[in-house]
Amino acid sequence: MYSKILILRFPKTEVHKPLVCHLVKDYSLTFNILNATILPRKEGIMVLELSGARKNFMEGVKYLKNQGVHVQSAAREIKRNNNKCIHCGACTAVCPTGALSIKRPEMYVEFDQKKCSVCELCIPACLPRAMEVRPTNKTFF
């Protein structure tokens, strides 16, 4: 079983098509949507975990690219600059995975990177700009 977290950017001309469903039907892949913002007549973005046989995975990614979808590895990670963080908790309100949470009674913001889907919602929510996106050294297809 091969599994990767991908960031898909759909052009506005393709957002109405069930492209991800074809990954299941035509390539025997499974997916878990971690975050998505797809609106009619606007570019869409989706973060998903895609799993299946490596050959099917590669063919599925090729299919998406042929449909005009920009496929990017989530070979990036969110890091917190502890020197900038003031533990205000604003990031916890937008974190869909619970990677950012408030430890009580200390009122300290904890960051569990293993739960992070790299959706980047915490970046604009963080007033002191303590949350940052950094590339990882993981390789991808």
N, C-alpha and C. Protein backbone atom coordinates (compact mmCIF):
# COMPACT_ATOMS: atom_id res chain seq x y z
N MET A 1 0.85 -1.19 0.00
CA MET A 1 0.00 0.00 0.00
C MET A 1 0.89 1.23 0.00
N TYR A 2 0.63 2.12 -0.93
CA TYR A 2 1.36 3.37 -1.07
C TYR A 2 0.42 4.49 -0.66
N SER A 3 0.89 5.43 0.12
CA SER A 3 0.02 6.49 0.61
C SER A 3 0.80 7.79 0.73
N LYS A 4 0.22 8.89 0.24
CA LYS A 4 0.82 10.21 0.32
C LYS A 4 -0.27 11.25 0.55
N ILE A 5 0.11 12.34 1.19
CA ILE A 5 -0.79 13.48 1.32
C ILE A 5 -0.47 14.43 0.18
N LEU A 6 -1.51 14.78 -0.58
CA LEU A 6 -1.36 15.63 -1.75
C LEU A 6 -2.17 16.91 -1.60
N ILE A 7 -1.69 17.95 -2.25
CA ILE A 7 -2.43 19.20 -2.35
C ILE A 7 -2.84 19.33 -3.81
N LEU A 8 -4.14 19.37 -4.07
CA LEU A 8 -4.67 19.49 -5.43
C LEU A 8 -5.24 20.88 -5.63
N ARG A 9 -4.85 21.52 -6.70
CA ARG A 9 -5.39 22.83 -7.06
C ARG A 9 -6.14 22.66 -8.38
N PHE A 10 -7.45 22.85 -8.31
CA PHE A 10 -8.32 22.68 -9.46
C PHE A 10 -8.53 24.02 -10.15
N PRO A 11 -8.31 24.09 -11.48
CA PRO A 11 -8.65 25.33 -12.17
C PRO A 11 -10.17 25.52 -12.17
N LYS A 12 -10.60 26.76 -12.29
CA LYS A 12 -12.04 27.04 -12.20
C LYS A 12 -12.84 26.31 -13.26
N THR A 13 -12.21 25.92 -14.36
CA THR A 13 -12.92 25.19 -15.42
C THR A 13 -13.15 23.72 -15.06
N GLU A 14 -12.48 23.23 -14.02
CA GLU A 14 -12.56 21.80 -13.69
C GLU A 14 -13.24 21.51 -12.35
N VAL A 15 -13.59 22.53 -11.57
CA VAL A 15 -14.12 22.27 -10.23
C VAL A 15 -15.46 21.54 -10.22
N HIS A 16 -16.19 21.59 -11.30
CA HIS A 16 -17.51 20.95 -11.35
C HIS A 16 -17.43 19.47 -11.72
N LYS A 17 -16.25 18.97 -12.07
CA LYS A 17 -16.09 17.58 -12.49
C LYS A 17 -15.75 16.68 -11.30
N PRO A 18 -16.27 15.45 -11.29
CA PRO A 18 -15.97 14.52 -10.19
C PRO A 18 -14.63 13.80 -10.37
N LEU A 19 -13.56 14.56 -10.49
CA LEU A 19 -12.25 13.99 -10.81
C LEU A 19 -11.75 13.03 -9.74
N VAL A 20 -11.94 13.37 -8.48
CA VAL A 20 -11.44 12.52 -7.40
C VAL A 20 -12.19 11.19 -7.37
N CYS A 21 -13.46 11.20 -7.73
CA CYS A 21 -14.24 9.96 -7.78
C CYS A 21 -13.67 8.99 -8.81
N HIS A 22 -13.12 9.52 -9.89
CA HIS A 22 -12.51 8.67 -10.92
C HIS A 22 -11.28 7.95 -10.37
N LEU A 23 -10.63 8.52 -9.38
CA LEU A 23 -9.48 7.85 -8.77
C LEU A 23 -9.88 6.54 -8.13
N VAL A 24 -11.06 6.52 -7.54
CA VAL A 24 -11.58 5.30 -6.92
C VAL A 24 -12.03 4.31 -7.99
N LYS A 25 -12.83 4.79 -8.90
CA LYS A 25 -13.44 3.93 -9.92
C LYS A 25 -12.42 3.39 -10.93
N ASP A 26 -11.59 4.26 -11.47
CA ASP A 26 -10.71 3.86 -12.56
C ASP A 26 -9.32 3.39 -12.12
N TYR A 27 -8.89 3.78 -10.91
CA TYR A 27 -7.53 3.46 -10.48
C TYR A 27 -7.49 2.69 -9.15
N SER A 28 -8.64 2.32 -8.63
CA SER A 28 -8.73 1.54 -7.38
C SER A 28 -7.98 2.19 -6.22
N LEU A 29 -8.06 3.50 -6.14
CA LEU A 29 -7.41 4.23 -5.05
C LEU A 29 -8.44 4.62 -4.00
N THR A 30 -7.99 4.82 -2.80
CA THR A 30 -8.86 5.34 -1.75
C THR A 30 -8.34 6.71 -1.35
N PHE A 31 -9.23 7.53 -0.83
CA PHE A 31 -8.80 8.87 -0.43
C PHE A 31 -9.50 9.28 0.84
N ASN A 32 -8.85 10.17 1.55
CA ASN A 32 -9.41 10.79 2.74
C ASN A 32 -9.20 12.28 2.58
N ILE A 33 -10.28 13.03 2.45
CA ILE A 33 -10.18 14.47 2.28
C ILE A 33 -9.88 15.09 3.64
N LEU A 34 -8.75 15.78 3.72
CA LEU A 34 -8.32 16.42 4.97
C LEU A 34 -8.77 17.87 5.05
N ASN A 35 -8.89 18.51 3.89
CA ASN A 35 -9.35 19.89 3.83
C ASN A 35 -9.73 20.18 2.38
N ALA A 36 -10.76 20.99 2.19
CA ALA A 36 -11.15 21.35 0.82
C ALA A 36 -11.88 22.68 0.82
N THR A 37 -11.58 23.47 -0.20
CA THR A 37 -12.30 24.70 -0.49
C THR A 37 -12.51 24.71 -1.99
N ILE A 38 -13.71 24.35 -2.41
CA ILE A 38 -14.02 24.28 -3.83
C ILE A 38 -15.34 25.02 -4.05
N LEU A 39 -15.27 26.09 -4.81
CA LEU A 39 -16.44 26.91 -5.07
C LEU A 39 -16.70 26.95 -6.57
N PRO A 40 -17.97 27.05 -6.98
CA PRO A 40 -18.25 27.14 -8.42
C PRO A 40 -17.57 28.35 -9.05
N ARG A 41 -17.02 28.17 -10.25
CA ARG A 41 -16.39 29.21 -11.05
C ARG A 41 -15.18 29.86 -10.38
N LYS A 42 -14.58 29.18 -9.41
CA LYS A 42 -13.36 29.67 -8.77
C LYS A 42 -12.40 28.50 -8.62
N GLU A 43 -11.11 28.83 -8.49
CA GLU A 43 -10.13 27.78 -8.28
C GLU A 43 -10.45 27.03 -6.99
N GLY A 44 -10.25 25.74 -7.01
CA GLY A 44 -10.49 24.92 -5.83
C GLY A 44 -9.18 24.36 -5.31
N ILE A 45 -9.13 24.13 -4.01
CA ILE A 45 -7.95 23.50 -3.41
C ILE A 45 -8.43 22.38 -2.49
N MET A 46 -7.74 21.25 -2.55
CA MET A 46 -8.09 20.11 -1.73
C MET A 46 -6.80 19.46 -1.21
N VAL A 47 -6.81 19.15 0.07
CA VAL A 47 -5.72 18.39 0.66
C VAL A 47 -6.29 17.02 0.96
N LEU A 48 -5.67 15.99 0.38
CA LEU A 48 -6.18 14.65 0.63
C LEU A 48 -5.07 13.65 0.77
N GLU A 49 -5.38 12.59 1.48
CA GLU A 49 -4.47 11.46 1.58
C GLU A 49 -4.94 10.45 0.55
N LEU A 50 -4.06 10.08 -0.36
CA LEU A 50 -4.38 9.16 -1.44
C LEU A 50 -3.61 7.87 -1.22
N SER A 51 -4.31 6.74 -1.32
CA SER A 51 -3.69 5.44 -1.03
C SER A 51 -4.07 4.40 -2.06
N GLY A 52 -3.15 3.47 -2.28
CA GLY A 52 -3.40 2.36 -3.19
C GLY A 52 -2.08 1.78 -3.66
N ALA A 53 -2.18 0.90 -4.66
CA ALA A 53 -0.97 0.33 -5.25
C ALA A 53 -0.16 1.46 -5.88
N ARG A 54 1.16 1.37 -5.78
CA ARG A 54 2.02 2.45 -6.26
C ARG A 54 1.78 2.74 -7.74
N LYS A 55 1.65 1.72 -8.56
CA LYS A 55 1.41 1.91 -10.00
C LYS A 55 0.10 2.65 -10.23
N ASN A 56 -0.95 2.25 -9.53
CA ASN A 56 -2.25 2.92 -9.65
C ASN A 56 -2.17 4.36 -9.16
N PHE A 57 -1.41 4.56 -8.09
CA PHE A 57 -1.22 5.90 -7.54
C PHE A 57 -0.62 6.82 -8.60
N MET A 58 0.45 6.36 -9.21
CA MET A 58 1.14 7.17 -10.21
C MET A 58 0.23 7.43 -11.42
N GLU A 59 -0.51 6.43 -11.85
CA GLU A 59 -1.44 6.61 -12.97
C GLU A 59 -2.56 7.58 -12.60
N GLY A 60 -3.04 7.50 -11.36
CA GLY A 60 -4.08 8.42 -10.90
C GLY A 60 -3.60 9.86 -10.86
N VAL A 61 -2.38 10.06 -10.41
CA VAL A 61 -1.79 11.41 -10.38
C VAL A 61 -1.62 11.92 -11.81
N LYS A 62 -1.20 11.05 -12.70
CA LYS A 62 -1.05 11.44 -14.11
C LYS A 62 -2.40 11.85 -14.70
N TYR A 63 -3.44 11.09 -14.36
CA TYR A 63 -4.80 11.43 -14.80
C TYR A 63 -5.18 12.83 -14.32
N LEU A 64 -4.96 13.12 -13.05
CA LEU A 64 -5.31 14.43 -12.50
C LEU A 64 -4.57 15.55 -13.24
N LYS A 65 -3.29 15.34 -13.45
CA LYS A 65 -2.49 16.35 -14.17
C LYS A 65 -3.00 16.56 -15.59
N ASN A 66 -3.39 15.48 -16.26
CA ASN A 66 -3.94 15.59 -17.62
C ASN A 66 -5.26 16.35 -17.64
N GLN A 67 -5.95 16.40 -16.51
CA GLN A 67 -7.22 17.13 -16.40
C GLN A 67 -6.99 18.59 -16.03
N GLY A 68 -5.74 19.00 -15.89
CA GLY A 68 -5.43 20.39 -15.56
C GLY A 68 -5.29 20.67 -14.08
N VAL A 69 -5.32 19.62 -13.25
CA VAL A 69 -5.18 19.79 -11.81
C VAL A 69 -3.70 19.89 -11.48
N HIS A 70 -3.34 20.89 -10.69
CA HIS A 70 -1.96 21.03 -10.23
C HIS A 70 -1.82 20.15 -9.00
N VAL A 71 -0.98 19.14 -9.09
CA VAL A 71 -0.78 18.18 -8.00
C VAL A 71 0.55 18.48 -7.33
N GLN A 72 0.50 18.64 -6.02
CA GLN A 72 1.69 18.99 -5.26
C GLN A 72 1.77 18.08 -4.05
N SER A 73 2.94 17.65 -3.76
CA SER A 73 3.16 16.85 -2.56
C SER A 73 3.01 17.75 -1.34
N ALA A 74 2.51 17.18 -0.30
CA ALA A 74 2.48 17.92 0.96
C ALA A 74 3.83 17.71 1.64
N ALA A 75 4.89 17.72 0.83
CA ALA A 75 6.24 17.57 1.36
C ALA A 75 6.66 18.90 1.97
N ARG A 76 5.71 19.47 2.59
CA ARG A 76 5.91 20.69 3.36
C ARG A 76 5.34 20.39 4.73
N GLU A 77 5.75 21.16 5.66
CA GLU A 77 5.21 20.96 6.99
C GLU A 77 5.01 22.31 7.66
N ILE A 78 4.13 22.31 8.60
CA ILE A 78 3.89 23.51 9.39
C ILE A 78 4.78 23.42 10.62
N LYS A 79 5.48 24.48 10.88
CA LYS A 79 6.32 24.56 12.08
C LYS A 79 5.88 25.77 12.88
N ARG A 80 6.03 25.67 14.18
CA ARG A 80 5.74 26.82 15.04
C ARG A 80 7.04 27.39 15.55
N ASN A 81 7.19 28.69 15.39
CA ASN A 81 8.33 29.40 15.94
C ASN A 81 7.97 29.73 17.39
N ASN A 82 8.52 28.95 18.31
CA ASN A 82 8.16 29.11 19.73
C ASN A 82 8.57 30.46 20.30
N ASN A 83 9.54 31.11 19.67
CA ASN A 83 9.94 32.43 20.15
C ASN A 83 8.91 33.50 19.81
N LYS A 84 8.11 33.27 18.77
CA LYS A 84 7.09 34.24 18.38
C LYS A 84 5.72 33.95 18.98
N CYS A 85 5.45 32.69 19.31
CA CYS A 85 4.12 32.29 19.78
C CYS A 85 3.80 32.93 21.14
N ILE A 86 2.63 33.57 21.21
CA ILE A 86 2.18 34.19 22.47
C ILE A 86 1.06 33.37 23.12
N HIS A 87 0.74 32.20 22.54
CA HIS A 87 -0.25 31.26 23.07
C HIS A 87 -1.63 31.90 23.22
N CYS A 88 -1.99 32.69 22.21
CA CYS A 88 -3.29 33.35 22.23
C CYS A 88 -4.44 32.39 21.90
N GLY A 89 -4.13 31.31 21.16
CA GLY A 89 -5.15 30.31 20.84
C GLY A 89 -5.94 30.58 19.57
N ALA A 90 -5.64 31.66 18.85
CA ALA A 90 -6.39 31.96 17.62
C ALA A 90 -6.27 30.82 16.60
N CYS A 91 -5.12 30.19 16.53
CA CYS A 91 -4.90 29.10 15.58
C CYS A 91 -5.76 27.88 15.89
N THR A 92 -6.08 27.67 17.15
CA THR A 92 -6.86 26.48 17.53
C THR A 92 -8.29 26.55 17.00
N ALA A 93 -8.78 27.75 16.80
CA ALA A 93 -10.16 27.92 16.31
C ALA A 93 -10.31 27.49 14.85
N VAL A 94 -9.23 27.52 14.08
CA VAL A 94 -9.34 27.20 12.66
C VAL A 94 -8.73 25.85 12.30
N CYS A 95 -8.07 25.19 13.22
CA CYS A 95 -7.39 23.92 12.94
C CYS A 95 -8.41 22.78 12.82
N PRO A 96 -8.59 22.21 11.59
CA PRO A 96 -9.61 21.18 11.40
C PRO A 96 -9.24 19.81 11.96
N THR A 97 -7.97 19.58 12.25
CA THR A 97 -7.54 18.24 12.67
C THR A 97 -7.26 18.14 14.17
N GLY A 98 -7.28 19.25 14.87
CA GLY A 98 -6.96 19.24 16.29
C GLY A 98 -5.46 19.19 16.56
N ALA A 99 -4.65 19.47 15.55
CA ALA A 99 -3.20 19.50 15.74
C ALA A 99 -2.79 20.62 16.68
N LEU A 100 -3.58 21.68 16.69
CA LEU A 100 -3.36 22.81 17.59
C LEU A 100 -4.48 22.79 18.63
N SER A 101 -4.10 22.74 19.89
CA SER A 101 -5.10 22.70 20.96
C SER A 101 -4.56 23.43 22.18
N ILE A 102 -5.47 23.80 23.05
CA ILE A 102 -5.08 24.52 24.26
C ILE A 102 -4.99 23.53 25.41
N LYS A 103 -3.83 23.50 26.05
CA LYS A 103 -3.62 22.66 27.22
C LYS A 103 -4.12 23.42 28.44
N ARG A 104 -5.02 22.82 29.14
CA ARG A 104 -5.60 23.45 30.32
C ARG A 104 -5.09 22.74 31.57
N PRO A 105 -4.92 23.37 32.64
CA PRO A 105 -5.27 24.74 32.98
C PRO A 105 -4.16 25.74 32.64
N GLU A 106 -3.06 25.26 32.07
CA GLU A 106 -1.92 26.15 31.81
C GLU A 106 -2.21 27.20 30.74
N MET A 107 -3.22 26.95 29.88
CA MET A 107 -3.57 27.83 28.76
C MET A 107 -2.39 27.99 27.81
N TYR A 108 -1.78 26.86 27.50
CA TYR A 108 -0.63 26.78 26.62
C TYR A 108 -1.09 26.13 25.31
N VAL A 109 -0.73 26.69 24.18
CA VAL A 109 -1.10 26.11 22.89
C VAL A 109 -0.12 24.99 22.56
N GLU A 110 -0.67 23.78 22.43
CA GLU A 110 0.14 22.63 22.04
C GLU A 110 0.01 22.40 20.54
N PHE A 111 1.09 21.94 19.92
CA PHE A 111 1.09 21.66 18.49
C PHE A 111 1.56 20.23 18.27
N ASP A 112 0.63 19.36 17.81
CA ASP A 112 0.93 17.97 17.51
C ASP A 112 1.11 17.84 16.01
N GLN A 113 2.34 17.86 15.55
CA GLN A 113 2.63 17.87 14.12
C GLN A 113 2.14 16.61 13.43
N LYS A 114 2.02 15.51 14.14
CA LYS A 114 1.55 14.26 13.53
C LYS A 114 0.10 14.38 13.07
N LYS A 115 -0.69 15.24 13.71
CA LYS A 115 -2.08 15.44 13.34
C LYS A 115 -2.26 16.49 12.25
N CYS A 116 -1.22 17.23 11.94
CA CYS A 116 -1.30 18.36 11.02
C CYS A 116 -1.49 17.89 9.57
N SER A 117 -2.48 18.44 8.88
CA SER A 117 -2.75 18.09 7.48
C SER A 117 -2.14 19.10 6.51
N VAL A 118 -1.41 20.06 6.99
CA VAL A 118 -0.76 21.11 6.19
C VAL A 118 -1.80 21.90 5.40
N CYS A 119 -2.95 22.15 6.00
CA CYS A 119 -4.01 22.91 5.33
C CYS A 119 -3.69 24.40 5.29
N GLU A 120 -2.80 24.84 6.16
CA GLU A 120 -2.31 26.22 6.22
C GLU A 120 -3.34 27.22 6.76
N LEU A 121 -4.42 26.77 7.33
CA LEU A 121 -5.41 27.70 7.89
C LEU A 121 -4.87 28.46 9.10
N CYS A 122 -3.91 27.88 9.78
CA CYS A 122 -3.35 28.53 10.96
C CYS A 122 -2.44 29.70 10.60
N ILE A 123 -1.92 29.71 9.40
CA ILE A 123 -0.96 30.75 9.00
C ILE A 123 -1.59 32.15 9.09
N PRO A 124 -2.71 32.41 8.40
CA PRO A 124 -3.29 33.76 8.50
C PRO A 124 -3.96 34.03 9.86
N ALA A 125 -4.33 32.97 10.58
CA ALA A 125 -4.99 33.17 11.87
C ALA A 125 -4.01 33.58 12.97
N CYS A 126 -2.75 33.28 12.76
CA CYS A 126 -1.72 33.55 13.78
C CYS A 126 -1.27 35.02 13.71
N LEU A 127 -1.69 35.80 14.67
CA LEU A 127 -1.37 37.22 14.67
C LEU A 127 0.12 37.51 14.81
N PRO A 128 0.87 36.82 15.67
CA PRO A 128 2.31 37.11 15.75
C PRO A 128 3.14 36.38 14.68
N ARG A 129 2.46 35.68 13.76
CA ARG A 129 3.13 34.97 12.66
C ARG A 129 4.11 33.91 13.15
N ALA A 130 3.68 33.16 14.16
CA ALA A 130 4.52 32.09 14.70
C ALA A 130 4.41 30.80 13.89
N MET A 131 3.33 30.64 13.14
CA MET A 131 3.13 29.44 12.34
C MET A 131 3.72 29.67 10.95
N GLU A 132 4.57 28.73 10.52
CA GLU A 132 5.28 28.89 9.25
C GLU A 132 5.23 27.61 8.45
N VAL A 133 5.23 27.74 7.12
CA VAL A 133 5.32 26.59 6.23
C VAL A 133 6.77 26.43 5.82
N ARG A 134 7.26 25.21 5.96
CA ARG A 134 8.64 24.93 5.59
C ARG A 134 8.67 23.68 4.72
N PRO A 135 9.54 23.66 3.72
CA PRO A 135 9.69 22.44 2.93
C PRO A 135 10.36 21.35 3.76
N THR A 136 10.01 20.11 3.48
CA THR A 136 10.67 18.99 4.13
C THR A 136 11.67 18.40 3.15
N ASN A 137 12.50 17.53 3.62
CA ASN A 137 13.46 16.89 2.72
C ASN A 137 12.96 15.54 2.24
N LYS A 138 11.66 15.28 2.40
CA LYS A 138 11.08 14.03 1.92
C LYS A 138 10.96 14.08 0.40
N THR A 139 11.22 12.97 -0.23
CA THR A 139 11.12 12.92 -1.68
C THR A 139 9.72 12.48 -2.07
N PHE A 140 9.37 12.78 -3.31
CA PHE A 140 8.07 12.44 -3.84
C PHE A 140 8.22 12.02 -5.27
N PHE A 141 7.17 11.58 -5.90
CA PHE A 141 7.23 11.03 -7.28
C PHE A 141 7.78 12.01 -8.26
